Structures are given as structure tokens and as C-alpha cells.
Amino acid sequence: MAKGKGGLGGWAFIIGVIIAVLIGLFGTLNSLWLGILVVLGLLVGFLNVNSAESTDYLLAAVALVIVAAFGRDVMSAIPLLSGVLEAIMALVVPATVIVSLKAIYSFARN
């Protein structure tokens, strides 16, 4: 994420991570919270990751998605950790889709 950029995208990410951790620890990811995390993730993707950072962001996000997908069985043994990871994924996946689309558009434009 861009240094010194703060703004709405930075706050969306920070708030999203806090909400994701709290939901994972103390609640369930119902449709309301899922919608909130998706909207925050979209804001992060649109406002917080620029083209210079997109490769690093996408690498980290893809690693997270792969580890979460393959580690789902292991994480299910620890419900709190599984819930936190699931909620973080609800934040990261929409941002990853937006950053990916922005990168593809940048390649196509050039």
C-alpha cells in the first residue's frame, strides 16, 4: 500500500482487518458483515493499490488465497482461526479482483 497515502483506501483496509478479526473471534460471517467486508475490499482495490504496487499486492494476495484454500481442513480444527481467515478472505478477494483487473487493463492499454 502506498506510503503516506492514508486516505479512504488506507482506512478501509485497517477497518476491514479489524472487523474481520473481531468477526472471526466473536461472531459469524453473516450476509451483512460479508457485504461490509466486500465493500471495504473494493475500496481498497480501487483506492489503495497503485500500479507500481500491484505485482507485490497480487503475489501476497494469491499466496493468501492458496494457503487458505489448501489449509481449510487444518484450519477447521481451530474454529476461531478459521473464522478470522474466512473473514479476511472476504476483504482481500474483492480487492484482489479489482487490482487484477486494473493490471490487465494497464497491460492491454500499453
N, C-alpha and C. Protein backbone atom coordinates (compact mmCIF):
# COMPACT_ATOMS: atom_id res chain seq x y z
N MET A 1 0.84 -1.16 0.00
CA MET A 1 0.00 0.00 0.00
C MET A 1 0.90 1.23 0.00
N ALA A 2 0.48 2.21 -0.70
CA ALA A 2 1.32 3.39 -0.91
C ALA A 2 1.64 4.08 0.41
N LYS A 3 2.91 4.45 0.54
CA LYS A 3 3.33 5.15 1.76
C LYS A 3 2.78 6.56 1.75
N GLY A 4 2.33 7.01 2.89
CA GLY A 4 1.81 8.36 3.01
C GLY A 4 0.49 8.58 2.32
N LYS A 5 -0.16 7.52 1.92
CA LYS A 5 -1.38 7.64 1.15
C LYS A 5 -2.62 7.68 2.02
N GLY A 6 -2.55 7.09 3.22
CA GLY A 6 -3.66 7.11 4.18
C GLY A 6 -5.01 7.08 3.51
N GLY A 7 -5.71 8.19 3.57
CA GLY A 7 -6.97 8.36 2.86
C GLY A 7 -7.99 7.27 3.12
N LEU A 8 -9.00 7.28 2.28
CA LEU A 8 -10.11 6.35 2.43
C LEU A 8 -9.69 4.90 2.22
N GLY A 9 -8.84 4.64 1.23
CA GLY A 9 -8.40 3.27 0.97
C GLY A 9 -7.62 2.67 2.12
N GLY A 10 -6.74 3.48 2.71
CA GLY A 10 -5.97 3.01 3.86
C GLY A 10 -6.85 2.70 5.06
N TRP A 11 -7.79 3.60 5.31
CA TRP A 11 -8.72 3.39 6.41
C TRP A 11 -9.63 2.20 6.14
N ALA A 12 -10.03 2.01 4.88
CA ALA A 12 -10.88 0.86 4.53
C ALA A 12 -10.15 -0.44 4.86
N PHE A 13 -8.86 -0.49 4.56
CA PHE A 13 -8.09 -1.70 4.85
C PHE A 13 -7.97 -1.94 6.35
N ILE A 14 -7.60 -0.91 7.09
CA ILE A 14 -7.44 -1.05 8.54
C ILE A 14 -8.75 -1.45 9.20
N ILE A 15 -9.83 -0.76 8.85
CA ILE A 15 -11.14 -1.07 9.43
C ILE A 15 -11.57 -2.48 9.04
N GLY A 16 -11.32 -2.85 7.78
CA GLY A 16 -11.68 -4.19 7.31
C GLY A 16 -10.96 -5.29 8.06
N VAL A 17 -9.68 -5.10 8.31
CA VAL A 17 -8.92 -6.12 9.06
C VAL A 17 -9.42 -6.21 10.50
N ILE A 18 -9.68 -5.07 11.11
CA ILE A 18 -10.20 -5.09 12.48
C ILE A 18 -11.55 -5.80 12.54
N ILE A 19 -12.45 -5.45 11.61
CA ILE A 19 -13.76 -6.10 11.58
C ILE A 19 -13.60 -7.60 11.34
N ALA A 20 -12.71 -7.98 10.41
CA ALA A 20 -12.52 -9.39 10.09
C ALA A 20 -12.03 -10.17 11.31
N VAL A 21 -11.08 -9.61 12.03
CA VAL A 21 -10.57 -10.29 13.22
C VAL A 21 -11.66 -10.40 14.29
N LEU A 22 -12.39 -9.32 14.51
CA LEU A 22 -13.45 -9.36 15.52
C LEU A 22 -14.56 -10.34 15.15
N ILE A 23 -14.94 -10.36 13.88
CA ILE A 23 -15.97 -11.31 13.44
C ILE A 23 -15.46 -12.74 13.61
N GLY A 24 -14.22 -12.97 13.21
CA GLY A 24 -13.66 -14.31 13.34
C GLY A 24 -13.56 -14.79 14.77
N LEU A 25 -13.26 -13.87 15.67
CA LEU A 25 -13.10 -14.26 17.07
C LEU A 25 -14.42 -14.34 17.83
N PHE A 26 -15.34 -13.42 17.53
CA PHE A 26 -16.53 -13.30 18.39
C PHE A 26 -17.87 -13.51 17.70
N GLY A 27 -17.89 -13.68 16.41
CA GLY A 27 -19.18 -13.78 15.72
C GLY A 27 -19.13 -14.72 14.55
N THR A 28 -20.10 -14.53 13.68
CA THR A 28 -20.15 -15.33 12.46
C THR A 28 -20.23 -14.39 11.27
N LEU A 29 -19.75 -14.85 10.16
CA LEU A 29 -19.72 -14.04 8.94
C LEU A 29 -21.07 -14.18 8.24
N ASN A 30 -22.05 -13.37 8.68
CA ASN A 30 -23.36 -13.42 8.04
C ASN A 30 -23.35 -12.51 6.82
N SER A 31 -24.47 -12.41 6.13
CA SER A 31 -24.52 -11.67 4.86
C SER A 31 -24.26 -10.17 5.06
N LEU A 32 -24.67 -9.60 6.18
CA LEU A 32 -24.42 -8.19 6.43
C LEU A 32 -22.92 -7.91 6.55
N TRP A 33 -22.23 -8.68 7.39
CA TRP A 33 -20.80 -8.48 7.57
C TRP A 33 -20.03 -8.82 6.30
N LEU A 34 -20.48 -9.85 5.59
CA LEU A 34 -19.84 -10.19 4.32
C LEU A 34 -19.94 -9.03 3.34
N GLY A 35 -21.11 -8.42 3.26
CA GLY A 35 -21.30 -7.27 2.38
C GLY A 35 -20.42 -6.09 2.76
N ILE A 36 -20.31 -5.84 4.05
CA ILE A 36 -19.46 -4.74 4.53
C ILE A 36 -18.00 -5.01 4.17
N LEU A 37 -17.53 -6.23 4.39
CA LEU A 37 -16.15 -6.56 4.07
C LEU A 37 -15.88 -6.51 2.57
N VAL A 38 -16.84 -6.92 1.77
CA VAL A 38 -16.68 -6.86 0.31
C VAL A 38 -16.57 -5.40 -0.14
N VAL A 39 -17.44 -4.53 0.38
CA VAL A 39 -17.38 -3.11 0.01
C VAL A 39 -16.05 -2.50 0.43
N LEU A 40 -15.59 -2.81 1.64
CA LEU A 40 -14.29 -2.31 2.09
C LEU A 40 -13.16 -2.84 1.21
N GLY A 41 -13.26 -4.10 0.82
CA GLY A 41 -12.26 -4.68 -0.08
C GLY A 41 -12.24 -4.00 -1.44
N LEU A 42 -13.42 -3.67 -1.96
CA LEU A 42 -13.50 -2.94 -3.23
C LEU A 42 -12.85 -1.57 -3.11
N LEU A 43 -13.10 -0.90 -1.99
CA LEU A 43 -12.47 0.41 -1.77
C LEU A 43 -10.95 0.29 -1.73
N VAL A 44 -10.46 -0.74 -1.06
CA VAL A 44 -9.01 -0.96 -1.01
C VAL A 44 -8.46 -1.17 -2.41
N GLY A 45 -9.12 -2.00 -3.19
CA GLY A 45 -8.65 -2.28 -4.54
C GLY A 45 -8.65 -1.06 -5.44
N PHE A 46 -9.69 -0.26 -5.35
CA PHE A 46 -9.80 0.93 -6.20
C PHE A 46 -8.89 2.07 -5.73
N LEU A 47 -8.80 2.27 -4.43
CA LEU A 47 -8.18 3.49 -3.91
C LEU A 47 -6.79 3.32 -3.32
N ASN A 48 -6.38 2.11 -2.97
CA ASN A 48 -5.19 1.98 -2.13
C ASN A 48 -4.02 1.29 -2.79
N VAL A 49 -4.23 0.57 -3.86
CA VAL A 49 -3.14 -0.15 -4.50
C VAL A 49 -2.90 0.46 -5.87
N ASN A 50 -1.72 1.08 -6.05
CA ASN A 50 -1.45 1.69 -7.35
C ASN A 50 -0.72 0.70 -8.26
N SER A 51 -0.47 1.10 -9.49
CA SER A 51 0.10 0.18 -10.48
C SER A 51 1.51 -0.27 -10.09
N ALA A 52 2.27 0.58 -9.42
CA ALA A 52 3.63 0.19 -9.00
C ALA A 52 3.60 -0.89 -7.92
N GLU A 53 2.53 -0.94 -7.16
CA GLU A 53 2.41 -1.91 -6.06
C GLU A 53 1.63 -3.14 -6.43
N SER A 54 1.02 -3.15 -7.60
CA SER A 54 0.07 -4.21 -7.93
C SER A 54 0.72 -5.59 -7.96
N THR A 55 1.94 -5.71 -8.47
CA THR A 55 2.58 -7.03 -8.52
C THR A 55 2.82 -7.58 -7.12
N ASP A 56 3.35 -6.76 -6.24
CA ASP A 56 3.59 -7.22 -4.86
C ASP A 56 2.28 -7.57 -4.16
N TYR A 57 1.26 -6.72 -4.35
CA TYR A 57 -0.03 -6.98 -3.72
C TYR A 57 -0.63 -8.29 -4.24
N LEU A 58 -0.60 -8.47 -5.56
CA LEU A 58 -1.19 -9.67 -6.14
C LEU A 58 -0.45 -10.93 -5.70
N LEU A 59 0.86 -10.86 -5.61
CA LEU A 59 1.62 -12.02 -5.14
C LEU A 59 1.23 -12.39 -3.71
N ALA A 60 1.14 -11.40 -2.84
CA ALA A 60 0.75 -11.66 -1.45
C ALA A 60 -0.68 -12.17 -1.36
N ALA A 61 -1.57 -11.58 -2.15
CA ALA A 61 -2.98 -11.98 -2.10
C ALA A 61 -3.17 -13.40 -2.64
N VAL A 62 -2.47 -13.73 -3.73
CA VAL A 62 -2.58 -15.08 -4.28
C VAL A 62 -2.01 -16.10 -3.30
N ALA A 63 -0.90 -15.77 -2.65
CA ALA A 63 -0.35 -16.67 -1.64
C ALA A 63 -1.37 -16.90 -0.52
N LEU A 64 -2.03 -15.84 -0.07
CA LEU A 64 -3.03 -15.97 0.97
C LEU A 64 -4.19 -16.86 0.53
N VAL A 65 -4.66 -16.65 -0.68
CA VAL A 65 -5.79 -17.44 -1.19
C VAL A 65 -5.40 -18.92 -1.32
N ILE A 66 -4.21 -19.19 -1.83
CA ILE A 66 -3.77 -20.59 -1.99
C ILE A 66 -3.61 -21.26 -0.64
N VAL A 67 -2.96 -20.60 0.29
CA VAL A 67 -2.77 -21.18 1.62
C VAL A 67 -4.12 -21.41 2.30
N ALA A 68 -5.03 -20.47 2.16
CA ALA A 68 -6.35 -20.62 2.78
C ALA A 68 -7.12 -21.78 2.15
N ALA A 69 -7.03 -21.90 0.84
CA ALA A 69 -7.77 -22.97 0.16
C ALA A 69 -7.22 -24.35 0.54
N PHE A 70 -5.91 -24.51 0.52
CA PHE A 70 -5.32 -25.81 0.84
C PHE A 70 -5.28 -26.09 2.33
N GLY A 71 -5.30 -25.06 3.15
CA GLY A 71 -5.25 -25.25 4.59
C GLY A 71 -6.61 -25.25 5.25
N ARG A 72 -7.68 -25.25 4.46
CA ARG A 72 -9.03 -25.18 5.00
C ARG A 72 -9.33 -26.33 5.98
N ASP A 73 -8.89 -27.53 5.65
CA ASP A 73 -9.15 -28.67 6.54
C ASP A 73 -8.42 -28.51 7.87
N VAL A 74 -7.20 -28.05 7.82
CA VAL A 74 -6.42 -27.86 9.05
C VAL A 74 -7.03 -26.75 9.88
N MET A 75 -7.43 -25.66 9.22
CA MET A 75 -7.99 -24.51 9.93
C MET A 75 -9.35 -24.82 10.55
N SER A 76 -10.07 -25.79 9.98
CA SER A 76 -11.38 -26.11 10.54
C SER A 76 -11.26 -26.72 11.93
N ALA A 77 -10.09 -27.23 12.28
CA ALA A 77 -9.87 -27.79 13.62
C ALA A 77 -9.75 -26.68 14.67
N ILE A 78 -9.49 -25.48 14.21
CA ILE A 78 -9.38 -24.32 15.12
C ILE A 78 -10.41 -23.29 14.66
N PRO A 79 -11.64 -23.38 15.18
CA PRO A 79 -12.73 -22.53 14.66
C PRO A 79 -12.44 -21.03 14.71
N LEU A 80 -11.79 -20.55 15.75
CA LEU A 80 -11.51 -19.11 15.83
C LEU A 80 -10.58 -18.67 14.70
N LEU A 81 -9.53 -19.41 14.48
CA LEU A 81 -8.58 -19.08 13.42
C LEU A 81 -9.23 -19.22 12.05
N SER A 82 -10.04 -20.24 11.90
CA SER A 82 -10.76 -20.45 10.64
C SER A 82 -11.70 -19.29 10.35
N GLY A 83 -12.40 -18.81 11.38
CA GLY A 83 -13.32 -17.69 11.20
C GLY A 83 -12.61 -16.39 10.84
N VAL A 84 -11.47 -16.14 11.48
CA VAL A 84 -10.69 -14.95 11.17
C VAL A 84 -10.20 -15.01 9.73
N LEU A 85 -9.67 -16.16 9.33
CA LEU A 85 -9.15 -16.32 7.97
C LEU A 85 -10.26 -16.16 6.93
N GLU A 86 -11.42 -16.72 7.21
CA GLU A 86 -12.55 -16.60 6.29
C GLU A 86 -12.98 -15.14 6.13
N ALA A 87 -13.02 -14.41 7.22
CA ALA A 87 -13.42 -13.00 7.16
C ALA A 87 -12.36 -12.15 6.45
N ILE A 88 -11.08 -12.44 6.68
CA ILE A 88 -10.02 -11.72 5.98
C ILE A 88 -10.10 -12.00 4.49
N MET A 89 -10.41 -13.21 4.13
CA MET A 89 -10.57 -13.55 2.71
C MET A 89 -11.71 -12.75 2.08
N ALA A 90 -12.77 -12.51 2.83
CA ALA A 90 -13.89 -11.71 2.32
C ALA A 90 -13.45 -10.27 2.04
N LEU A 91 -12.44 -9.80 2.72
CA LEU A 91 -11.89 -8.47 2.49
C LEU A 91 -10.88 -8.47 1.34
N VAL A 92 -10.02 -9.46 1.30
CA VAL A 92 -8.91 -9.48 0.36
C VAL A 92 -9.33 -9.87 -1.06
N VAL A 93 -10.24 -10.81 -1.21
CA VAL A 93 -10.60 -11.30 -2.54
C VAL A 93 -11.17 -10.19 -3.42
N PRO A 94 -12.13 -9.38 -2.97
CA PRO A 94 -12.61 -8.31 -3.85
C PRO A 94 -11.52 -7.31 -4.23
N ALA A 95 -10.65 -6.98 -3.30
CA ALA A 95 -9.55 -6.08 -3.60
C ALA A 95 -8.63 -6.70 -4.64
N THR A 96 -8.38 -7.99 -4.52
CA THR A 96 -7.52 -8.69 -5.47
C THR A 96 -8.12 -8.69 -6.86
N VAL A 97 -9.42 -8.90 -6.96
CA VAL A 97 -10.08 -8.88 -8.27
C VAL A 97 -9.92 -7.51 -8.92
N ILE A 98 -10.14 -6.46 -8.16
CA ILE A 98 -10.03 -5.09 -8.70
C ILE A 98 -8.59 -4.81 -9.13
N VAL A 99 -7.61 -5.13 -8.29
CA VAL A 99 -6.21 -4.88 -8.64
C VAL A 99 -5.81 -5.69 -9.86
N SER A 100 -6.29 -6.93 -9.96
CA SER A 100 -6.00 -7.75 -11.14
C SER A 100 -6.58 -7.14 -12.40
N LEU A 101 -7.82 -6.69 -12.32
CA LEU A 101 -8.45 -6.06 -13.49
C LEU A 101 -7.72 -4.77 -13.89
N LYS A 102 -7.31 -3.99 -12.91
CA LYS A 102 -6.54 -2.78 -13.20
C LYS A 102 -5.21 -3.11 -13.88
N ALA A 103 -4.54 -4.16 -13.43
CA ALA A 103 -3.27 -4.57 -14.03
C ALA A 103 -3.48 -5.07 -15.45
N ILE A 104 -4.51 -5.87 -15.66
CA ILE A 104 -4.80 -6.37 -17.01
C ILE A 104 -5.13 -5.22 -17.93
N TYR A 105 -5.91 -4.27 -17.46
CA TYR A 105 -6.24 -3.10 -18.28
C TYR A 105 -4.98 -2.31 -18.62
N SER A 106 -4.08 -2.18 -17.68
CA SER A 106 -2.83 -1.47 -17.91
C SER A 106 -2.00 -2.17 -18.98
N PHE A 107 -1.94 -3.50 -18.93
CA PHE A 107 -1.21 -4.26 -19.94
C PHE A 107 -1.87 -4.10 -21.31
N ALA A 108 -3.17 -4.18 -21.36
CA ALA A 108 -3.89 -4.08 -22.63
C ALA A 108 -3.77 -2.68 -23.23
N ARG A 109 -3.74 -1.68 -22.39
CA ARG A 109 -3.65 -0.31 -22.85
C ARG A 109 -2.28 -0.03 -23.46
N ASN A 110 -1.25 -0.65 -22.93
CA ASN A 110 0.11 -0.44 -23.44
C ASN A 110 0.34 -1.38 -24.54
